[in-house]
N, C-alpha and C. Protein backbone atom coordinates (compact mmCIF):
# COMPACT_ATOMS: atom_id res chain seq x y z
N UNK A 1 -3.06 -38.80 13.66
CA UNK A 1 -3.48 -37.98 14.96
C UNK A 1 -5.03 -38.08 15.29
N UNK A 2 -5.55 -38.00 16.59
CA UNK A 2 -7.24 -37.28 16.30
C UNK A 2 -7.39 -36.10 16.84
N UNK A 3 -8.76 -35.76 16.26
CA UNK A 3 -8.67 -33.88 16.70
C UNK A 3 -8.49 -33.77 18.22
N UNK A 4 -8.65 -34.69 19.21
CA UNK A 4 -8.48 -34.80 20.72
C UNK A 4 -6.83 -34.57 20.79
N UNK A 5 -6.16 -35.37 19.47
CA UNK A 5 -4.05 -34.92 19.90
C UNK A 5 -3.60 -33.79 19.68
N UNK A 6 -4.79 -33.25 18.77
CA UNK A 6 -4.02 -32.09 18.25
C UNK A 6 -4.05 -30.65 19.46
N UNK A 7 -4.58 -31.25 21.08
CA UNK A 7 -4.25 -30.33 22.20
C UNK A 7 -4.69 -28.91 22.24
N UNK A 8 -5.52 -28.94 21.24
CA UNK A 8 -6.63 -27.26 21.26
C UNK A 8 -7.03 -26.99 22.80
N UNK A 9 -7.52 -27.94 23.92
CA UNK A 9 -7.96 -27.57 24.90
C UNK A 9 -7.00 -27.25 25.42
N UNK A 10 -5.89 -27.84 25.70
CA UNK A 10 -4.84 -27.41 26.55
C UNK A 10 -4.00 -26.16 25.98
N UNK A 11 -4.32 -25.34 24.99
CA UNK A 11 -3.99 -24.15 25.05
C UNK A 11 -4.93 -22.95 25.37
N UNK A 12 -5.48 -23.35 26.19
CA UNK A 12 -6.43 -22.35 26.23
C UNK A 12 -5.91 -21.67 27.27
N UNK A 13 -5.87 -19.82 27.62
CA UNK A 13 -4.45 -18.91 27.96
C UNK A 13 -3.29 -19.10 27.31
N UNK A 14 -2.70 -19.86 26.03
CA UNK A 14 -2.13 -19.38 25.59
C UNK A 14 -1.88 -18.17 24.45
N UNK A 15 -1.10 -17.67 23.76
CA UNK A 15 -1.70 -17.27 22.73
C UNK A 15 -1.79 -18.04 21.30
N UNK A 16 -3.50 -16.81 21.04
CA UNK A 16 -3.98 -17.83 19.92
C UNK A 16 -3.63 -16.60 18.56
N UNK A 17 -4.64 -17.07 17.42
CA UNK A 17 -4.13 -16.38 16.10
C UNK A 17 -5.38 -16.93 15.33
N UNK A 18 -5.92 -15.24 14.53
CA UNK A 18 -7.13 -15.46 13.97
C UNK A 18 -6.79 -15.48 12.51
N UNK A 19 -6.52 -16.64 11.65
CA UNK A 19 -6.32 -16.58 10.02
C UNK A 19 -6.98 -16.14 9.17
N UNK A 20 -6.37 -14.85 8.51
CA UNK A 20 -6.69 -14.41 7.35
C UNK A 20 -5.47 -14.13 6.24
N UNK A 21 -6.27 -13.92 5.30
CA UNK A 21 -5.71 -13.84 3.36
C UNK A 21 -5.35 -12.36 3.05
N UNK A 22 -4.08 -11.86 2.57
CA UNK A 22 -4.32 -10.68 1.97
C UNK A 22 -3.45 -11.23 1.47
N UNK A 23 -4.43 -10.24 0.27
CA UNK A 23 -3.96 -10.84 -1.79
C UNK A 23 -3.51 -9.18 -2.24
N UNK A 24 -2.54 -9.26 -2.89
CA UNK A 24 -2.19 -7.78 -4.22
C UNK A 24 -1.85 -8.53 -5.48
N UNK A 25 -2.85 -8.53 -6.66
CA UNK A 25 -3.61 -8.62 -7.89
C UNK A 25 -3.24 -7.60 -8.90
N UNK A 26 -2.19 -8.23 -9.74
CA UNK A 26 -1.70 -7.81 -10.44
C UNK A 26 -2.30 -7.58 -12.58
N UNK A 27 -2.30 -6.53 -12.88
CA UNK A 27 -2.40 -6.75 -13.84
C UNK A 27 -1.14 -5.59 -15.36
N UNK A 28 0.18 -6.28 -15.24
CA UNK A 28 0.91 -5.82 -16.02
C UNK A 28 1.76 -4.94 -15.45
N UNK A 29 1.78 -3.66 -15.26
CA UNK A 29 2.07 -2.82 -13.68
C UNK A 29 1.40 -2.42 -13.19
N UNK A 30 0.14 -2.12 -12.60
CA UNK A 30 -0.81 -2.45 -12.49
C UNK A 30 -1.11 -3.29 -11.47
N UNK A 31 -1.97 -2.29 -9.79
CA UNK A 31 -1.80 -3.18 -9.35
C UNK A 31 -3.67 -3.14 -8.59
N UNK A 32 -4.68 -3.81 -8.57
CA UNK A 32 -5.95 -4.07 -7.83
C UNK A 32 -5.60 -3.93 -6.47
N UNK A 33 -6.12 -2.35 -6.27
CA UNK A 33 -6.22 -2.19 -4.69
C UNK A 33 -7.73 -1.96 -4.42
N UNK A 34 -8.44 -1.99 -2.71
CA UNK A 34 -9.80 -1.93 -2.98
C UNK A 34 -9.50 -0.93 -2.24
N UNK A 35 -10.43 -0.06 -1.75
CA UNK A 35 -10.42 1.38 -0.85
C UNK A 35 -11.46 0.92 -0.46
N UNK A 36 -11.50 1.14 1.05
CA UNK A 36 -12.24 0.63 2.19
C UNK A 36 -13.68 1.25 1.74
N UNK A 37 -14.87 0.74 1.78
CA UNK A 37 -16.10 1.52 2.02
C UNK A 37 -15.77 2.43 3.21
N UNK A 38 -16.63 3.73 3.02
CA UNK A 38 -16.47 4.44 4.67
C UNK A 38 -17.60 3.62 6.25
N UNK A 39 -18.19 2.23 5.04
CA UNK A 39 -19.08 1.99 6.25
C UNK A 39 -17.67 0.90 7.42
N UNK A 40 -16.60 0.55 6.61
CA UNK A 40 -16.24 -0.34 6.62
C UNK A 40 -15.44 -0.35 8.39
N UNK A 41 -15.05 -0.99 9.49
CA UNK A 41 -15.01 -1.06 10.33
C UNK A 41 -13.53 -0.82 10.36
N UNK A 42 -13.02 -1.44 9.74
CA UNK A 42 -11.24 -1.18 9.86
C UNK A 42 -10.85 -0.54 8.25
N UNK A 43 -9.59 0.47 8.21
CA UNK A 43 -9.84 1.07 6.61
C UNK A 43 -10.10 1.52 6.48
N UNK A 44 -11.81 1.98 6.70
CA UNK A 44 -12.13 2.50 5.88
C UNK A 44 -11.24 3.58 5.28
N UNK A 45 -11.37 4.12 3.51
CA UNK A 45 -11.76 5.31 2.83
C UNK A 45 -10.14 4.75 2.80
N UNK A 46 -9.33 4.00 2.72
CA UNK A 46 -7.70 3.50 2.77
C UNK A 46 -7.85 2.43 1.69
N UNK A 47 -7.10 2.62 1.14
CA UNK A 47 -6.31 1.68 -0.07
C UNK A 47 -5.30 0.26 0.54
N UNK A 48 -6.31 -1.20 0.02
CA UNK A 48 -5.53 -2.48 0.72
C UNK A 48 -5.35 -3.30 -0.32
N UNK A 49 -4.88 -4.20 -0.10
CA UNK A 49 -5.41 -5.40 -1.19
C UNK A 49 -6.55 -6.08 -0.82
N UNK A 50 -6.71 -7.21 -1.51
CA UNK A 50 -7.90 -7.96 -1.06
C UNK A 50 -7.89 -8.90 -0.20
N UNK A 51 -8.85 -9.63 0.61
CA UNK A 51 -8.38 -10.15 1.64
C UNK A 51 -9.55 -10.20 2.52
N UNK A 52 -9.31 -11.28 3.28
CA UNK A 52 -10.22 -11.50 4.38
C UNK A 52 -10.26 -12.82 5.35
N UNK A 53 -11.09 -13.42 6.09
CA UNK A 53 -11.25 -15.11 7.60
C UNK A 53 -10.27 -16.16 6.62
N UNK A 54 -10.29 -16.48 7.41
CA UNK A 54 -9.62 -17.64 6.53
C UNK A 54 -10.58 -18.92 6.91
N UNK A 55 -12.13 -19.79 6.46
CA UNK A 55 -13.10 -19.88 6.78
C UNK A 55 -12.58 -21.96 7.65
N UNK A 56 -13.39 -22.31 8.65
CA UNK A 56 -13.20 -23.40 8.79
C UNK A 56 -12.09 -24.47 8.40
N UNK A 57 -13.24 -24.25 6.61
CA UNK A 57 -13.09 -25.49 5.46
C UNK A 57 -12.22 -25.28 4.58
N UNK A 58 -11.30 -24.22 5.11
CA UNK A 58 -10.72 -24.44 3.45
C UNK A 58 -9.07 -24.33 4.24
N UNK A 59 -8.40 -23.88 3.33
CA UNK A 59 -6.88 -24.01 3.32
C UNK A 59 -6.59 -23.06 3.48
N UNK A 60 -5.22 -21.50 3.49
CA UNK A 60 -5.21 -20.50 3.41
C UNK A 60 -5.13 -19.64 1.88
N UNK A 61 -4.74 -21.11 0.82
CA UNK A 61 -4.48 -20.57 -0.56
C UNK A 61 -6.40 -20.87 -0.95
N UNK A 62 -7.38 -21.69 -1.08
CA UNK A 62 -8.31 -21.56 -1.23
C UNK A 62 -9.74 -19.93 -0.56
N UNK A 63 -8.98 -20.17 0.57
CA UNK A 63 -9.29 -18.86 1.49
C UNK A 63 -9.26 -17.56 -0.05
N UNK A 64 -7.13 -17.57 0.14
CA UNK A 64 -7.35 -16.64 -0.86
C UNK A 64 -7.71 -16.29 -1.78
N UNK A 65 -8.09 -16.74 -2.53
CA UNK A 65 -8.79 -17.20 -3.97
C UNK A 65 -10.59 -16.80 -3.66
N UNK A 66 -11.16 -17.25 -2.35
CA UNK A 66 -12.52 -16.98 -2.35
C UNK A 66 -12.77 -15.87 -2.35
N UNK A 67 -11.51 -14.68 -1.69
CA UNK A 67 -11.40 -13.93 -0.99
C UNK A 67 -11.71 -12.81 -2.12
N UNK A 68 -10.35 -13.04 -3.30
CA UNK A 68 -10.76 -11.99 -4.22
C UNK A 68 -11.79 -12.62 -5.32
N UNK A 69 -11.79 -13.69 -5.30
CA UNK A 69 -13.55 -13.69 -5.95
C UNK A 69 -14.69 -12.71 -5.49
N UNK A 70 -14.80 -12.47 -4.30
CA UNK A 70 -15.87 -12.19 -3.46
C UNK A 70 -15.78 -11.32 -3.57
N UNK A 71 -14.32 -9.82 -3.58
CA UNK A 71 -14.24 -8.61 -4.11
C UNK A 71 -13.81 -7.90 -4.80
N UNK A 72 -13.93 -9.27 -5.77
CA UNK A 72 -12.77 -8.37 -7.31
C UNK A 72 -14.47 -9.07 -7.96
N UNK A 73 -15.00 -9.99 -8.38
CA UNK A 73 -15.25 -11.03 -9.49
C UNK A 73 -14.05 -11.69 -10.23
N UNK A 74 -12.82 -12.04 -9.62
CA UNK A 74 -11.63 -11.56 -10.47
C UNK A 74 -11.42 -13.17 -10.65
N UNK A 75 -10.81 -13.45 -11.62
CA UNK A 75 -10.07 -15.71 -11.54
C UNK A 75 -8.88 -14.68 -11.76
N UNK A 76 -8.02 -15.55 -11.10
CA UNK A 76 -6.86 -15.02 -11.03
C UNK A 76 -5.51 -16.52 -11.07
N UNK A 77 -4.97 -16.41 -11.57
CA UNK A 77 -3.75 -17.25 -11.93
C UNK A 77 -2.45 -16.91 -11.28
N UNK A 78 -0.91 -17.85 -10.64
CA UNK A 78 0.52 -17.41 -10.55
C UNK A 78 -0.90 -16.77 -9.01
N UNK A 79 -1.05 -18.02 -8.40
CA UNK A 79 -1.03 -16.89 -7.16
C UNK A 79 0.01 -17.54 -6.15
N UNK A 80 0.60 -16.55 -5.54
CA UNK A 80 2.14 -17.33 -5.12
C UNK A 80 2.00 -16.30 -3.60
N UNK A 81 2.13 -17.82 -2.47
CA UNK A 81 2.59 -17.47 -0.69
C UNK A 81 3.66 -16.31 -1.37
N UNK A 82 3.89 -14.77 -0.41
CA UNK A 82 4.63 -13.85 -0.49
C UNK A 82 4.85 -13.71 0.99
N UNK A 83 4.80 -13.79 1.95
CA UNK A 83 4.71 -13.54 3.50
C UNK A 83 3.84 -13.98 4.61
N UNK A 84 4.24 -14.35 5.72
CA UNK A 84 3.35 -14.08 7.27
C UNK A 84 3.85 -13.97 7.96
N UNK A 85 2.91 -13.01 7.94
CA UNK A 85 2.81 -12.09 9.27
C UNK A 85 2.24 -12.45 9.70
N UNK A 86 2.85 -12.37 11.44
CA UNK A 86 2.44 -12.21 12.63
C UNK A 86 2.13 -11.20 13.14
N UNK A 87 0.58 -10.73 13.49
CA UNK A 87 0.26 -9.32 14.54
C UNK A 87 -0.26 -9.47 15.83
N UNK A 88 0.30 -9.30 16.23
CA UNK A 88 0.90 -8.90 17.75
C UNK A 88 -0.52 -7.82 18.25
N UNK A 89 -1.34 -8.04 18.66
CA UNK A 89 -2.35 -6.66 18.77
C UNK A 89 -2.57 -6.59 20.33
N UNK A 90 -1.96 -7.77 21.48
CA UNK A 90 -1.09 -6.75 22.79
C UNK A 90 -2.52 -7.67 23.60
N UNK A 91 -3.54 -8.14 22.99
CA UNK A 91 -4.55 -9.18 23.44
C UNK A 91 -4.20 -10.36 23.66
N UNK A 92 -4.54 -11.70 24.13
CA UNK A 92 -4.62 -13.05 23.69
C UNK A 92 -4.45 -13.71 22.40
N UNK A 93 -5.33 -13.22 21.58
CA UNK A 93 -5.46 -13.25 19.85
C UNK A 93 -4.68 -12.55 19.85
N UNK A 94 -4.26 -12.65 18.14
CA UNK A 94 -3.49 -12.03 17.49
C UNK A 94 -4.04 -12.22 16.23
N UNK A 95 -3.77 -11.57 14.75
CA UNK A 95 -3.69 -12.07 13.45
C UNK A 95 -2.61 -12.73 13.18
N UNK A 96 -2.83 -13.93 11.95
CA UNK A 96 -1.12 -15.08 11.29
C UNK A 96 -1.88 -14.32 9.95
N UNK A 97 -1.65 -13.43 9.33
CA UNK A 97 -2.09 -12.72 7.81
C UNK A 97 -0.76 -14.02 6.82
N UNK A 98 -1.34 -14.00 6.07
CA UNK A 98 -0.68 -14.88 4.80
C UNK A 98 -1.28 -14.60 3.45
N UNK A 99 0.40 -13.38 3.35
CA UNK A 99 0.04 -12.46 2.07
C UNK A 99 0.22 -13.24 0.51
N UNK A 100 -0.06 -13.20 -0.40
CA UNK A 100 0.04 -13.42 -1.55
C UNK A 100 -0.32 -12.03 -2.61
N UNK A 101 0.43 -13.10 -4.06
CA UNK A 101 0.21 -12.23 -4.87
C UNK A 101 -0.36 -12.95 -6.24
N UNK A 102 -0.52 -12.49 -6.48
CA UNK A 102 -2.07 -13.15 -7.90
C UNK A 102 -1.40 -12.53 -9.15
N UNK A 103 -1.61 -12.95 -10.38
CA UNK A 103 -2.08 -12.00 -12.22
C UNK A 103 -3.43 -12.43 -12.50
N UNK A 104 -3.65 -11.37 -12.91
CA UNK A 104 -4.88 -11.25 -13.39
C UNK A 104 -4.94 -11.39 -14.79
N UNK A 105 -5.53 -12.52 -15.72
CA UNK A 105 -5.93 -12.32 -16.88
C UNK A 105 -6.31 -11.59 -17.25
N UNK A 106 -7.41 -10.26 -16.61
CA UNK A 106 -8.23 -9.44 -16.87
C UNK A 106 -8.34 -8.80 -16.42
N UNK A 107 -8.56 -6.90 -16.63
CA UNK A 107 -8.47 -5.54 -15.70
C UNK A 107 -10.14 -5.92 -15.06
N UNK A 108 -11.22 -6.28 -15.75
CA UNK A 108 -12.40 -6.51 -15.43
C UNK A 108 -12.90 -6.56 -14.36
N UNK A 109 -13.92 -6.52 -13.37
CA UNK A 109 -13.82 -6.63 -12.09
C UNK A 109 -15.17 -6.57 -12.01
N UNK A 110 -15.66 -7.07 -10.18
CA UNK A 110 -17.12 -6.58 -10.15
C UNK A 110 -17.27 -5.86 -8.58
N UNK A 111 -17.99 -4.51 -8.34
CA UNK A 111 -18.02 -4.55 -7.54
C UNK A 111 -18.54 -5.14 -6.04
N UNK A 112 -17.88 -4.97 -4.81
CA UNK A 112 -19.18 -5.24 -3.94
C UNK A 112 -18.94 -4.48 -2.85
N UNK A 113 -19.23 -5.52 -1.78
CA UNK A 113 -19.70 -4.06 -0.66
C UNK A 113 -18.97 -3.60 -0.09
N UNK A 114 -17.49 -4.54 -0.43
CA UNK A 114 -15.86 -4.12 0.71
C UNK A 114 -15.66 -2.40 0.58
N UNK A 115 -15.72 -2.41 -1.04
CA UNK A 115 -15.53 -0.74 -1.40
C UNK A 115 -15.80 -0.80 -2.92
N UNK A 116 -14.47 0.52 -3.57
CA UNK A 116 -14.07 0.70 -4.08
C UNK A 116 -12.74 0.08 -4.93
N UNK A 117 -12.88 -0.70 -6.04
CA UNK A 117 -12.29 -1.45 -6.73
C UNK A 117 -11.02 0.10 -7.84
N UNK A 118 -9.60 -0.20 -7.83
CA UNK A 118 -8.74 0.75 -7.94
C UNK A 118 -8.34 0.19 -9.19
N UNK A 119 -6.90 0.19 -10.78
CA UNK A 119 -6.00 -0.72 -10.79
C UNK A 119 -5.45 0.97 -10.98
N UNK A 120 -4.60 0.53 -10.03
CA UNK A 120 -3.40 1.08 -9.87
C UNK A 120 -1.69 1.38 -9.87
N UNK A 121 -1.71 1.89 -11.14
CA UNK A 121 -0.14 1.81 -11.62
C UNK A 121 1.13 1.98 -10.63
N UNK A 122 1.72 0.97 -10.74
CA UNK A 122 2.72 0.61 -9.26
C UNK A 122 3.93 1.96 -9.51
N UNK A 123 3.38 3.20 -10.38
CA UNK A 123 4.65 4.72 -10.19
C UNK A 123 3.49 5.81 -8.97
N UNK A 124 2.38 5.11 -9.51
CA UNK A 124 1.33 5.90 -8.13
C UNK A 124 0.85 5.58 -6.57
N UNK A 125 1.73 4.27 -6.60
CA UNK A 125 1.34 3.79 -5.33
C UNK A 125 1.46 5.20 -4.34
N UNK A 126 2.38 4.89 -3.63
CA UNK A 126 2.77 6.05 -2.91
C UNK A 126 1.85 7.80 -3.18
N UNK A 127 1.45 7.92 -3.84
CA UNK A 127 0.19 9.25 -4.00
C UNK A 127 -1.10 8.52 -3.27
N UNK A 128 -1.59 7.34 -3.19
CA UNK A 128 -2.29 7.22 -2.42
C UNK A 128 -2.67 6.87 -0.77
N UNK A 129 -4.20 6.92 -0.45
CA UNK A 129 -3.88 6.65 1.62
C UNK A 129 -4.03 5.69 1.52
N UNK A 130 -2.85 4.63 1.63
CA UNK A 130 -2.70 3.33 2.00
C UNK A 130 -3.17 3.02 3.61
N UNK A 131 -3.20 1.88 3.78
CA UNK A 131 -3.22 0.52 5.10
C UNK A 131 -1.82 1.11 5.44
N UNK A 132 -1.56 1.54 6.45
CA UNK A 132 -0.39 2.49 7.54
C UNK A 132 1.40 0.89 6.84
N UNK A 133 0.74 0.25 6.78
CA UNK A 133 2.16 -0.57 6.23
C UNK A 133 2.23 -1.90 5.13
N UNK A 134 1.43 -1.21 4.15
CA UNK A 134 1.33 -1.30 2.52
C UNK A 134 3.31 -0.13 2.61
N UNK A 135 3.06 0.51 2.51
CA UNK A 135 4.21 1.73 2.01
C UNK A 135 5.69 0.61 2.08
N UNK A 136 5.65 -0.43 3.28
CA UNK A 136 7.21 -1.81 3.35
C UNK A 136 6.28 -2.97 3.13
N UNK A 137 5.50 -2.83 3.50
CA UNK A 137 5.48 -4.10 2.34
C UNK A 137 5.24 -4.44 1.09
N UNK A 138 4.60 -3.49 0.00
CA UNK A 138 4.61 -3.40 -1.80
C UNK A 138 5.97 -3.80 -2.11
N UNK A 139 7.06 -2.92 -2.11
CA UNK A 139 8.33 -3.20 -2.32
C UNK A 139 8.63 -5.03 -1.96
N UNK A 140 8.46 -5.14 -1.06
CA UNK A 140 8.77 -6.44 -0.91
C UNK A 140 7.80 -7.48 -1.60
N UNK A 141 6.38 -7.55 -2.27
CA UNK A 141 5.62 -7.93 -2.87
C UNK A 141 6.21 -8.20 -4.09
N UNK A 142 6.21 -6.81 -4.38
CA UNK A 142 6.38 -6.40 -5.91
C UNK A 142 7.47 -6.01 -6.41
N UNK A 143 8.54 -6.64 -5.30
CA UNK A 143 10.05 -6.77 -6.39
C UNK A 143 10.52 -8.11 -6.00
N UNK A 144 9.87 -9.42 -5.85
CA UNK A 144 10.56 -10.03 -5.38
C UNK A 144 10.16 -10.65 -6.95
N UNK A 145 10.79 -11.81 -6.78
CA UNK A 145 11.11 -12.48 -8.07
C UNK A 145 10.49 -13.94 -7.98
N UNK A 146 9.43 -14.35 -8.57
CA UNK A 146 8.72 -15.35 -8.93
C UNK A 146 9.36 -16.69 -7.75
N UNK A 147 10.45 -17.23 -7.90
CA UNK A 147 10.24 -17.95 -7.15
C UNK A 147 11.21 -18.27 -6.16
N UNK A 148 11.14 -16.17 -5.97
CA UNK A 148 11.18 -15.83 -4.19
C UNK A 148 11.51 -16.80 -2.88
N UNK A 149 11.25 -17.18 -2.10
CA UNK A 149 10.72 -18.28 -0.68
C UNK A 149 10.07 -16.97 0.04
N UNK A 150 8.70 -17.65 0.78
CA UNK A 150 8.07 -16.11 1.92
C UNK A 150 8.89 -15.11 3.03
N UNK A 151 8.61 -13.64 2.61
CA UNK A 151 8.77 -13.34 4.01
C UNK A 151 8.14 -13.38 5.00
N UNK A 152 9.09 -13.49 6.72
CA UNK A 152 8.64 -13.98 7.58
C UNK A 152 8.31 -11.97 8.38
N UNK A 153 6.93 -12.15 8.77
CA UNK A 153 7.09 -10.04 9.46
C UNK A 153 6.51 -10.62 11.09
N UNK A 154 6.74 -9.89 11.86
CA UNK A 154 6.13 -9.59 13.21
C UNK A 154 5.49 -8.51 12.68
N UNK A 155 4.21 -7.79 13.57
CA UNK A 155 4.00 -6.44 13.55
C UNK A 155 2.90 -6.33 15.12
N UNK A 156 4.02 -5.14 15.54
CA UNK A 156 3.16 -5.25 17.38
C UNK A 156 3.26 -3.45 17.46
N UNK A 157 2.58 -2.99 18.15
CA UNK A 157 2.03 -1.21 18.54
C UNK A 157 3.52 -0.59 19.96
N UNK A 158 3.71 0.39 19.74
CA UNK A 158 4.55 0.63 20.73
C UNK A 158 3.22 1.36 21.83
N UNK A 159 3.12 2.31 22.95
CA UNK A 159 3.01 2.80 24.27
C UNK A 159 2.08 3.32 23.61
N UNK A 160 2.43 3.77 21.96
CA UNK A 160 1.67 5.14 21.13
C UNK A 160 0.83 4.68 20.47
N UNK A 161 0.32 3.00 20.56
CA UNK A 161 -0.53 2.48 19.78
C UNK A 161 -0.24 3.02 17.64
N UNK A 162 1.72 3.07 17.64
CA UNK A 162 2.27 3.01 16.51
C UNK A 162 2.07 1.71 16.31
N UNK A 163 2.11 1.84 14.92
CA UNK A 163 2.72 -0.19 14.34
C UNK A 163 4.15 0.42 14.19
N UNK A 164 4.43 -1.40 14.55
CA UNK A 164 6.03 -1.00 14.34
C UNK A 164 6.74 -2.42 13.55
N UNK A 165 7.54 -2.54 12.76
CA UNK A 165 7.28 -3.77 11.63
C UNK A 165 8.54 -4.14 11.73
N UNK A 166 9.02 -5.46 12.15
CA UNK A 166 10.12 -6.96 11.97
C UNK A 166 9.83 -7.64 10.42
N UNK A 167 10.76 -7.15 10.22
CA UNK A 167 11.05 -8.46 8.64
C UNK A 167 12.09 -9.08 8.88
N UNK A 168 11.79 -10.67 9.01
CA UNK A 168 13.01 -11.23 9.47
C UNK A 168 13.85 -12.20 7.82
N UNK A 169 12.99 -11.77 6.46
CA UNK A 169 13.75 -12.13 5.99
C UNK A 169 13.06 -11.44 4.72
């Protein structure tokens, strides 16, 4: 199939997505979270996993591993796709979020401009100012057996701009 046969030009005006990755790295019973820098446009001061945009020349797995390396200086193992989330923002383009887990052989991280890194015991996650979907997302990720198939979810916003989460599996 040629590039032209992919039908991108004919897709103008249809719903489109920006691919992103989100990864939760564990070491033992701790999860590595990033407290967003105060200068960040999205989730400043709130805790989230590591991740970001998928570049044109990479697949989503490569993007997730690259983002972990860039944001924490970590090389990881056991990188697993745990879920795919379609985030409908009410605009022509949304986000297609590929959610991963990974294991770190070491707790040694390197700081980045993205924010402050913190290894957080699972028992303490609920005590943090988490990005709003994490209380629903983290149990699905951290409690899943290694061979569990990925979940599928849809995020949208109600009339008051509150996040609405629907899990399919």
